[in-house]
């Protein structure tokens, strides 16, 4: 077997695996079991403040004065502040949450494209499916990058870049999948969810772009979660 044949074989095995219903189901469940507890714990620990975790923190942090002592709040702090030692004694909680969420939703992007965009689809459906898959993958990779390149490791501006990839990718992925759900009747996804996928995250992103601020960044995250979780539950319920 040549090197080229090996690459093709690995690619086919990867695609076959990530488009299996059982694998997608497990990933969807793991997102809920891992991401949300880590995110919630990260917010709670940040809200309690470093003063409640002094025994767990190295002395050099205090010597360099790198900790902010104000209470964490979604109204006044950016999401990414959860990944910085300046705002929380446990930044790894959000870092891991982002990495797990990005990695575990990756198979969902492949599964949706595989299941709802058959190869014999119309040209328009194939184009919408390609765009939905592309932007969803951008969101997956971006969110992994948010965890890897946190505020404390945002070398060369990579944290800002990956944050934009995550929000933009998930938003436009939801929009194009929403269009597919609305235009075609064989996706088994309720039309109201398709409408939300089309306007929910996108509308929140537009408001965030106009108003700005940490609160609307959090609302954007919640709007994306409100798309992904019901979509995953519907897929699990309907089965393969």
C-alpha atoms as a PDB file:
ATOM      1  CA  UNK A   1       0.000   0.000   0.000  1.00  0.00           C
ATOM      2  CA  UNK A   2       1.414   3.357  -1.006  1.00  0.00           C
ATOM      3  CA  UNK A   3       1.495   6.405   1.250  1.00  0.00           C
ATOM      4  CA  UNK A   4      -1.311   7.948  -0.784  1.00  0.00           C
ATOM      5  CA  UNK A   5      -3.439   4.814  -0.347  1.00  0.00           C
ATOM      6  CA  UNK A   6      -2.785   4.901   3.386  1.00  0.00           C
ATOM      7  CA  UNK A   7      -3.958   8.515   3.610  1.00  0.00           C
ATOM      8  CA  UNK A   8      -7.106   7.715   1.614  1.00  0.00           C
ATOM      9  CA  UNK A   9      -7.794   4.691   3.812  1.00  0.00           C
ATOM     10  CA  UNK A  10      -7.347   6.698   7.004  1.00  0.00           C
ATOM     11  CA  UNK A  11      -9.616   9.441   5.649  1.00  0.00           C
ATOM     12  CA  UNK A  12     -12.332   6.925   4.795  1.00  0.00           C
ATOM     13  CA  UNK A  13     -12.081   5.256   8.197  1.00  0.00           C
ATOM     14  CA  UNK A  14     -12.266   8.630   9.922  1.00  0.00           C
ATOM     15  CA  UNK A  15     -15.330   9.651   7.929  1.00  0.00           C
ATOM     16  CA  UNK A  16     -17.047   6.320   8.515  1.00  0.00           C
ATOM     17  CA  UNK A  17     -16.440   6.631  12.241  1.00  0.00           C
ATOM     18  CA  UNK A  18     -17.553  10.234  12.749  1.00  0.00           C
ATOM     19  CA  UNK A  19     -20.724   9.674  10.723  1.00  0.00           C
ATOM     20  CA  UNK A  20     -21.873   6.662  12.764  1.00  0.00           C
ATOM     21  CA  UNK A  21     -25.064   7.365  14.678  1.00  0.00           C
ATOM     22  CA  UNK A  22     -23.878   5.631  17.860  1.00  0.00           C
ATOM     23  CA  UNK A  23     -20.642   7.612  17.874  1.00  0.00           C
ATOM     24  CA  UNK A  24     -22.489  10.894  17.292  1.00  0.00           C
ATOM     25  CA  UNK A  25     -24.947   9.994  20.060  1.00  0.00           C
ATOM     26  CA  UNK A  26     -22.126   9.340  22.521  1.00  0.00           C
ATOM     27  CA  UNK A  27     -20.401  12.607  21.615  1.00  0.00           C
ATOM     28  CA  UNK A  28     -23.643  14.551  22.047  1.00  0.00           C
ATOM     29  CA  UNK A  29     -24.198  13.050  25.488  1.00  0.00           C
ATOM     30  CA  UNK A  30     -20.593  13.697  26.494  1.00  0.00           C
ATOM     31  CA  UNK A  31     -20.917  17.361  25.520  1.00  0.00           C
ATOM     32  CA  UNK A  32     -23.756  17.708  28.001  1.00  0.00           C
ATOM     33  CA  UNK A  33     -22.045  15.661  30.706  1.00  0.00           C
ATOM     34  CA  UNK A  34     -18.626  17.348  30.434  1.00  0.00           C
ATOM     35  CA  UNK A  35     -19.005  20.833  28.956  1.00  0.00           C
ATOM     36  CA  UNK A  36     -21.818  22.208  31.068  1.00  0.00           C
ATOM     37  CA  UNK A  37     -20.470  21.045  34.463  1.00  0.00           C
ATOM     38  CA  UNK A  38     -17.025  22.448  33.627  1.00  0.00           C
ATOM     39  CA  UNK A  39     -18.506  25.752  32.445  1.00  0.00           C
ATOM     40  CA  UNK A  40     -20.745  26.083  35.511  1.00  0.00           C
ATOM     41  CA  UNK A  41     -17.938  25.175  37.900  1.00  0.00           C
ATOM     42  CA  UNK A  42     -15.678  27.676  36.159  1.00  0.00           C
ATOM     43  CA  UNK A  43     -18.204  30.476  36.660  1.00  0.00           C
ATOM     44  CA  UNK A  44     -18.805  29.535  40.310  1.00  0.00           C
ATOM     45  CA  UNK A  45     -15.103  29.376  41.138  1.00  0.00           C
ATOM     46  CA  UNK A  46     -14.486  32.705  39.392  1.00  0.00           C
ATOM     47  CA  UNK A  47     -17.424  34.288  41.231  1.00  0.00           C
ATOM     48  CA  UNK A  48     -16.235  33.060  44.622  1.00  0.00           C
ATOM     49  CA  UNK A  49     -12.937  34.813  43.933  1.00  0.00           C
ATOM     50  CA  UNK A  50      -9.298  33.919  44.447  1.00  0.00           C
ATOM     51  CA  UNK A  51      -9.447  34.839  48.132  1.00  0.00           C
ATOM     52  CA  UNK A  52     -11.380  31.636  48.776  1.00  0.00           C
ATOM     53  CA  UNK A  53      -8.666  29.562  47.126  1.00  0.00           C
ATOM     54  CA  UNK A  54      -5.494  31.162  48.501  1.00  0.00           C
ATOM     55  CA  UNK A  55      -4.073  27.830  49.741  1.00  0.00           C
ATOM     56  CA  UNK A  56      -4.331  26.460  46.181  1.00  0.00           C
ATOM     57  CA  UNK A  57      -2.473  29.317  44.506  1.00  0.00           C
ATOM     58  CA  UNK A  58       1.293  29.716  44.142  1.00  0.00           C
ATOM     59  CA  UNK A  59       2.898  32.688  45.876  1.00  0.00           C
ATOM     60  CA  UNK A  60       4.288  34.171  42.670  1.00  0.00           C
ATOM     61  CA  UNK A  61       0.782  35.106  41.549  1.00  0.00           C
ATOM     62  CA  UNK A  62       0.400  37.445  44.489  1.00  0.00           C
ATOM     63  CA  UNK A  63       3.953  38.738  44.226  1.00  0.00           C
ATOM     64  CA  UNK A  64       3.284  39.854  40.654  1.00  0.00           C
ATOM     65  CA  UNK A  65      -0.128  41.251  41.469  1.00  0.00           C
ATOM     66  CA  UNK A  66      -1.736  39.457  38.553  1.00  0.00           C
ATOM     67  CA  UNK A  67      -5.077  38.664  40.184  1.00  0.00           C
ATOM     68  CA  UNK A  68      -8.187  40.796  39.842  1.00  0.00           C
ATOM     69  CA  UNK A  69     -10.145  40.765  43.088  1.00  0.00           C
ATOM     70  CA  UNK A  70     -13.514  41.912  41.762  1.00  0.00           C
ATOM     71  CA  UNK A  71     -16.351  39.400  41.643  1.00  0.00           C
ATOM     72  CA  UNK A  72     -16.848  37.632  38.346  1.00  0.00           C
ATOM     73  CA  UNK A  73     -20.151  38.357  36.636  1.00  0.00           C
ATOM     74  CA  UNK A  74     -21.500  37.588  33.166  1.00  0.00           C
ATOM     75  CA  UNK A  75     -22.682  41.205  33.040  1.00  0.00           C
ATOM     76  CA  UNK A  76     -19.203  42.655  33.473  1.00  0.00           C
ATOM     77  CA  UNK A  77     -16.689  39.972  32.480  1.00  0.00           C
ATOM     78  CA  UNK A  78     -15.955  38.371  29.125  1.00  0.00           C
ATOM     79  CA  UNK A  79     -16.376  34.626  28.716  1.00  0.00           C
ATOM     80  CA  UNK A  80     -12.683  34.238  28.004  1.00  0.00           C
ATOM     81  CA  UNK A  81     -11.854  35.779  31.394  1.00  0.00           C
ATOM     82  CA  UNK A  82     -12.755  32.347  32.784  1.00  0.00           C
ATOM     83  CA  UNK A  83      -9.574  31.104  31.130  1.00  0.00           C
ATOM     84  CA  UNK A  84      -7.236  33.632  32.753  1.00  0.00           C
ATOM     85  CA  UNK A  85      -5.465  33.397  36.096  1.00  0.00           C
ATOM     86  CA  UNK A  86      -6.109  37.126  36.458  1.00  0.00           C
ATOM     87  CA  UNK A  87      -9.791  36.448  37.086  1.00  0.00           C
ATOM     88  CA  UNK A  88     -10.038  32.902  38.427  1.00  0.00           C
ATOM     89  CA  UNK A  89      -7.834  30.498  40.360  1.00  0.00           C
ATOM     90  CA  UNK A  90      -8.931  27.659  38.076  1.00  0.00           C
ATOM     91  CA  UNK A  91      -8.664  28.820  34.442  1.00  0.00           C
ATOM     92  CA  UNK A  92      -8.166  25.236  33.309  1.00  0.00           C
ATOM     93  CA  UNK A  93     -11.862  24.540  33.936  1.00  0.00           C
ATOM     94  CA  UNK A  94     -12.983  26.732  31.056  1.00  0.00           C
ATOM     95  CA  UNK A  95      -9.981  25.786  28.925  1.00  0.00           C
ATOM     96  CA  UNK A  96     -10.963  22.120  29.188  1.00  0.00           C
ATOM     97  CA  UNK A  97     -14.643  22.947  28.659  1.00  0.00           C
ATOM     98  CA  UNK A  98     -13.850  24.725  25.386  1.00  0.00           C
ATOM     99  CA  UNK A  99     -11.524  21.985  24.138  1.00  0.00           C
ATOM    100  CA  UNK A 100     -13.986  19.203  24.954  1.00  0.00           C
ATOM    101  CA  UNK A 101     -16.937  21.086  23.469  1.00  0.00           C
ATOM    102  CA  UNK A 102     -15.109  21.847  20.232  1.00  0.00           C
ATOM    103  CA  UNK A 103     -13.819  18.289  19.854  1.00  0.00           C
ATOM    104  CA  UNK A 104     -17.046  16.533  20.799  1.00  0.00           C
ATOM    105  CA  UNK A 105     -19.236  18.628  18.502  1.00  0.00           C
ATOM    106  CA  UNK A 106     -16.924  17.930  15.555  1.00  0.00           C
ATOM    107  CA  UNK A 107     -18.531  14.523  14.816  1.00  0.00           C
ATOM    108  CA  UNK A 108     -21.973  16.166  15.019  1.00  0.00           C
ATOM    109  CA  UNK A 109     -20.993  18.479  12.152  1.00  0.00           C
ATOM    110  CA  UNK A 110     -19.942  15.516  10.007  1.00  0.00           C
ATOM    111  CA  UNK A 111     -23.020  13.498  10.978  1.00  0.00           C
ATOM    112  CA  UNK A 112     -25.458  16.268  10.062  1.00  0.00           C
ATOM    113  CA  UNK A 113     -23.819  16.748   6.673  1.00  0.00           C
ATOM    114  CA  UNK A 114     -23.785  12.987   6.055  1.00  0.00           C
ATOM    115  CA  UNK A 115     -27.376  12.381   7.138  1.00  0.00           C
ATOM    116  CA  UNK A 116     -29.210  15.385   5.793  1.00  0.00           C
ATOM    117  CA  UNK A 117     -27.254  16.089   2.595  1.00  0.00           C
ATOM    118  CA  UNK A 118     -27.384  12.911   0.440  1.00  0.00           C
ATOM    119  CA  UNK A 119     -25.088  12.797  -2.560  1.00  0.00           C
ATOM    120  CA  UNK A 120     -28.075  12.744  -4.928  1.00  0.00           C
ATOM    121  CA  UNK A 121     -29.426  16.014  -3.497  1.00  0.00           C
ATOM    122  CA  UNK A 122     -30.180  19.029  -5.630  1.00  0.00           C
ATOM    123  CA  UNK A 123     -27.370  21.444  -6.382  1.00  0.00           C
ATOM    124  CA  UNK A 124     -28.831  24.038  -3.998  1.00  0.00           C
ATOM    125  CA  UNK A 125     -29.089  21.539  -1.151  1.00  0.00           C
ATOM    126  CA  UNK A 126     -25.525  20.381  -1.702  1.00  0.00           C
ATOM    127  CA  UNK A 127     -24.314  23.978  -1.619  1.00  0.00           C
ATOM    128  CA  UNK A 128     -26.233  24.751   1.567  1.00  0.00           C
ATOM    129  CA  UNK A 129     -24.945  21.535   3.111  1.00  0.00           C
ATOM    130  CA  UNK A 130     -21.363  22.331   2.185  1.00  0.00           C
ATOM    131  CA  UNK A 131     -21.651  25.803   3.718  1.00  0.00           C
ATOM    132  CA  UNK A 132     -23.319  24.440   6.860  1.00  0.00           C
ATOM    133  CA  UNK A 133     -20.602  21.801   7.259  1.00  0.00           C
ATOM    134  CA  UNK A 134     -17.773  24.244   6.523  1.00  0.00           C
ATOM    135  CA  UNK A 135     -18.884  26.867   9.031  1.00  0.00           C
ATOM    136  CA  UNK A 136     -19.658  24.263  11.674  1.00  0.00           C
ATOM    137  CA  UNK A 137     -16.157  22.811  11.341  1.00  0.00           C
ATOM    138  CA  UNK A 138     -14.717  26.323  11.636  1.00  0.00           C
ATOM    139  CA  UNK A 139     -16.689  26.692  14.873  1.00  0.00           C
ATOM    140  CA  UNK A 140     -15.454  23.335  16.184  1.00  0.00           C
ATOM    141  CA  UNK A 141     -11.806  24.125  15.476  1.00  0.00           C
ATOM    142  CA  UNK A 142     -12.203  27.660  16.781  1.00  0.00           C
ATOM    143  CA  UNK A 143     -13.606  26.532  20.118  1.00  0.00           C
ATOM    144  CA  UNK A 144     -10.786  24.029  20.571  1.00  0.00           C
ATOM    145  CA  UNK A 145      -8.416  26.915  19.875  1.00  0.00           C
ATOM    146  CA  UNK A 146     -10.120  29.072  22.515  1.00  0.00           C
ATOM    147  CA  UNK A 147      -9.165  26.479  25.118  1.00  0.00           C
ATOM    148  CA  UNK A 148      -5.650  25.927  23.807  1.00  0.00           C
ATOM    149  CA  UNK A 149      -4.904  29.630  23.233  1.00  0.00           C
ATOM    150  CA  UNK A 150      -6.572  31.061  26.322  1.00  0.00           C
ATOM    151  CA  UNK A 151      -6.236  34.678  27.442  1.00  0.00           C
ATOM    152  CA  UNK A 152      -3.014  33.704  29.205  1.00  0.00           C
ATOM    153  CA  UNK A 153      -1.675  31.913  26.106  1.00  0.00           C
ATOM    154  CA  UNK A 154      -3.062  34.116  23.347  1.00  0.00           C
ATOM    155  CA  UNK A 155       0.180  34.275  21.399  1.00  0.00           C
ATOM    156  CA  UNK A 156       0.148  36.311  18.163  1.00  0.00           C
ATOM    157  CA  UNK A 157      -3.483  37.238  18.763  1.00  0.00           C
ATOM    158  CA  UNK A 158      -4.567  33.604  18.383  1.00  0.00           C
ATOM    159  CA  UNK A 159      -7.076  33.837  21.207  1.00  0.00           C
ATOM    160  CA  UNK A 160      -9.018  36.583  19.473  1.00  0.00           C
ATOM    161  CA  UNK A 161      -8.798  34.784  16.133  1.00  0.00           C
ATOM    162  CA  UNK A 162     -10.053  31.469  17.501  1.00  0.00           C
ATOM    163  CA  UNK A 163     -12.820  33.210  19.454  1.00  0.00           C
ATOM    164  CA  UNK A 164     -14.039  34.812  16.238  1.00  0.00           C
ATOM    165  CA  UNK A 165     -13.842  31.449  14.471  1.00  0.00           C
ATOM    166  CA  UNK A 166     -15.878  29.786  17.213  1.00  0.00           C
ATOM    167  CA  UNK A 167     -18.675  32.350  17.382  1.00  0.00           C
ATOM    168  CA  UNK A 168     -18.812  32.969  13.648  1.00  0.00           C
ATOM    169  CA  UNK A 169     -18.537  29.291  12.735  1.00  0.00           C
ATOM    170  CA  UNK A 170     -21.276  28.065  15.039  1.00  0.00           C
ATOM    171  CA  UNK A 171     -23.543  30.986  14.110  1.00  0.00           C
ATOM    172  CA  UNK A 172     -23.319  30.580  10.348  1.00  0.00           C
ATOM    173  CA  UNK A 173     -23.357  26.793  10.636  1.00  0.00           C
ATOM    174  CA  UNK A 174     -26.667  27.057  12.501  1.00  0.00           C
ATOM    175  CA  UNK A 175     -27.977  29.508   9.895  1.00  0.00           C
ATOM    176  CA  UNK A 176     -27.280  27.243   6.910  1.00  0.00           C
ATOM    177  CA  UNK A 177     -28.502  24.087   8.663  1.00  0.00           C
ATOM    178  CA  UNK A 178     -31.593  26.083   9.624  1.00  0.00           C
ATOM    179  CA  UNK A 179     -32.187  26.871   5.961  1.00  0.00           C
ATOM    180  CA  UNK A 180     -31.917  23.188   5.065  1.00  0.00           C
ATOM    181  CA  UNK A 181     -34.426  22.257   7.770  1.00  0.00           C
ATOM    182  CA  UNK A 182     -36.850  24.900   6.514  1.00  0.00           C
ATOM    183  CA  UNK A 183     -36.498  24.175   2.783  1.00  0.00           C
ATOM    184  CA  UNK A 184     -36.607  20.378   2.907  1.00  0.00           C
ATOM    185  CA  UNK A 185     -39.086  18.091   4.638  1.00  0.00           C
ATOM    186  CA  UNK A 186     -36.994  14.944   5.072  1.00  0.00           C
ATOM    187  CA  UNK A 187     -34.589  16.095   7.802  1.00  0.00           C
ATOM    188  CA  UNK A 188     -36.824  14.950  10.694  1.00  0.00           C
ATOM    189  CA  UNK A 189     -35.908  18.156  12.517  1.00  0.00           C
ATOM    190  CA  UNK A 190     -38.875  20.308  13.668  1.00  0.00           C
ATOM    191  CA  UNK A 191     -39.358  23.422  11.553  1.00  0.00           C
ATOM    192  CA  UNK A 192     -39.411  25.727  14.632  1.00  0.00           C
ATOM    193  CA  UNK A 193     -35.891  24.574  15.457  1.00  0.00           C
ATOM    194  CA  UNK A 194     -34.874  25.340  11.882  1.00  0.00           C
ATOM    195  CA  UNK A 195     -36.312  28.843  12.220  1.00  0.00           C
ATOM    196  CA  UNK A 196     -34.386  29.339  15.444  1.00  0.00           C
ATOM    197  CA  UNK A 197     -31.165  28.076  13.853  1.00  0.00           C
ATOM    198  CA  UNK A 198     -31.654  30.611  11.079  1.00  0.00           C
ATOM    199  CA  UNK A 199     -32.393  33.700  13.180  1.00  0.00           C
ATOM    200  CA  UNK A 200     -31.448  32.956  16.819  1.00  0.00           C
ATOM    201  CA  UNK A 201     -27.624  32.929  16.924  1.00  0.00           C
ATOM    202  CA  UNK A 202     -27.374  35.278  13.928  1.00  0.00           C
ATOM    203  CA  UNK A 203     -29.685  37.846  15.500  1.00  0.00           C
ATOM    204  CA  UNK A 204     -27.752  37.691  18.758  1.00  0.00           C
ATOM    205  CA  UNK A 205     -24.458  38.039  16.880  1.00  0.00           C
ATOM    206  CA  UNK A 206     -25.758  41.170  15.150  1.00  0.00           C
ATOM    207  CA  UNK A 207     -26.833  42.684  18.479  1.00  0.00           C
ATOM    208  CA  UNK A 208     -23.456  41.800  19.974  1.00  0.00           C
ATOM    209  CA  UNK A 209     -21.717  43.447  17.033  1.00  0.00           C
ATOM    210  CA  UNK A 210     -23.745  46.635  17.518  1.00  0.00           C
ATOM    211  CA  UNK A 211     -23.938  46.849  21.299  1.00  0.00           C
ATOM    212  CA  UNK A 212     -20.858  44.887  22.317  1.00  0.00           C
ATOM    213  CA  UNK A 213     -19.987  44.132  25.910  1.00  0.00           C
ATOM    214  CA  UNK A 214     -19.564  40.954  27.964  1.00  0.00           C
ATOM    215  CA  UNK A 215     -23.276  40.455  28.595  1.00  0.00           C
ATOM    216  CA  UNK A 216     -24.144  40.122  24.918  1.00  0.00           C
ATOM    217  CA  UNK A 217     -21.165  37.849  24.362  1.00  0.00           C
ATOM    218  CA  UNK A 218     -22.662  35.554  26.988  1.00  0.00           C
ATOM    219  CA  UNK A 219     -26.054  35.850  25.299  1.00  0.00           C
ATOM    220  CA  UNK A 220     -24.413  34.803  22.029  1.00  0.00           C
ATOM    221  CA  UNK A 221     -22.971  31.725  23.716  1.00  0.00           C
ATOM    222  CA  UNK A 222     -26.378  30.865  25.205  1.00  0.00           C
ATOM    223  CA  UNK A 223     -28.059  31.322  21.826  1.00  0.00           C
ATOM    224  CA  UNK A 224     -25.626  28.843  20.236  1.00  0.00           C
ATOM    225  CA  UNK A 225     -26.117  26.364  23.080  1.00  0.00           C
ATOM    226  CA  UNK A 226     -29.889  26.739  22.648  1.00  0.00           C
ATOM    227  CA  UNK A 227     -29.415  25.538  19.064  1.00  0.00           C
ATOM    228  CA  UNK A 228     -26.941  22.704  19.592  1.00  0.00           C
ATOM    229  CA  UNK A 229     -28.554  21.018  22.610  1.00  0.00           C
ATOM    230  CA  UNK A 230     -32.117  20.655  21.195  1.00  0.00           C
ATOM    231  CA  UNK A 231     -30.657  19.590  17.846  1.00  0.00           C
ATOM    232  CA  UNK A 232     -28.601  16.887  19.548  1.00  0.00           C
ATOM    233  CA  UNK A 233     -31.580  15.696  21.589  1.00  0.00           C
ATOM    234  CA  UNK A 234     -33.766  15.452  18.482  1.00  0.00           C
ATOM    235  CA  UNK A 235     -31.107  13.437  16.680  1.00  0.00           C
ATOM    236  CA  UNK A 236     -30.765  11.074  19.637  1.00  0.00           C
ATOM    237  CA  UNK A 237     -34.531  10.700  19.945  1.00  0.00           C
ATOM    238  CA  UNK A 238     -35.082   9.973  16.277  1.00  0.00           C
ATOM    239  CA  UNK A 239     -32.314   7.378  16.142  1.00  0.00           C
ATOM    240  CA  UNK A 240     -30.513   6.269  13.034  1.00  0.00           C
END
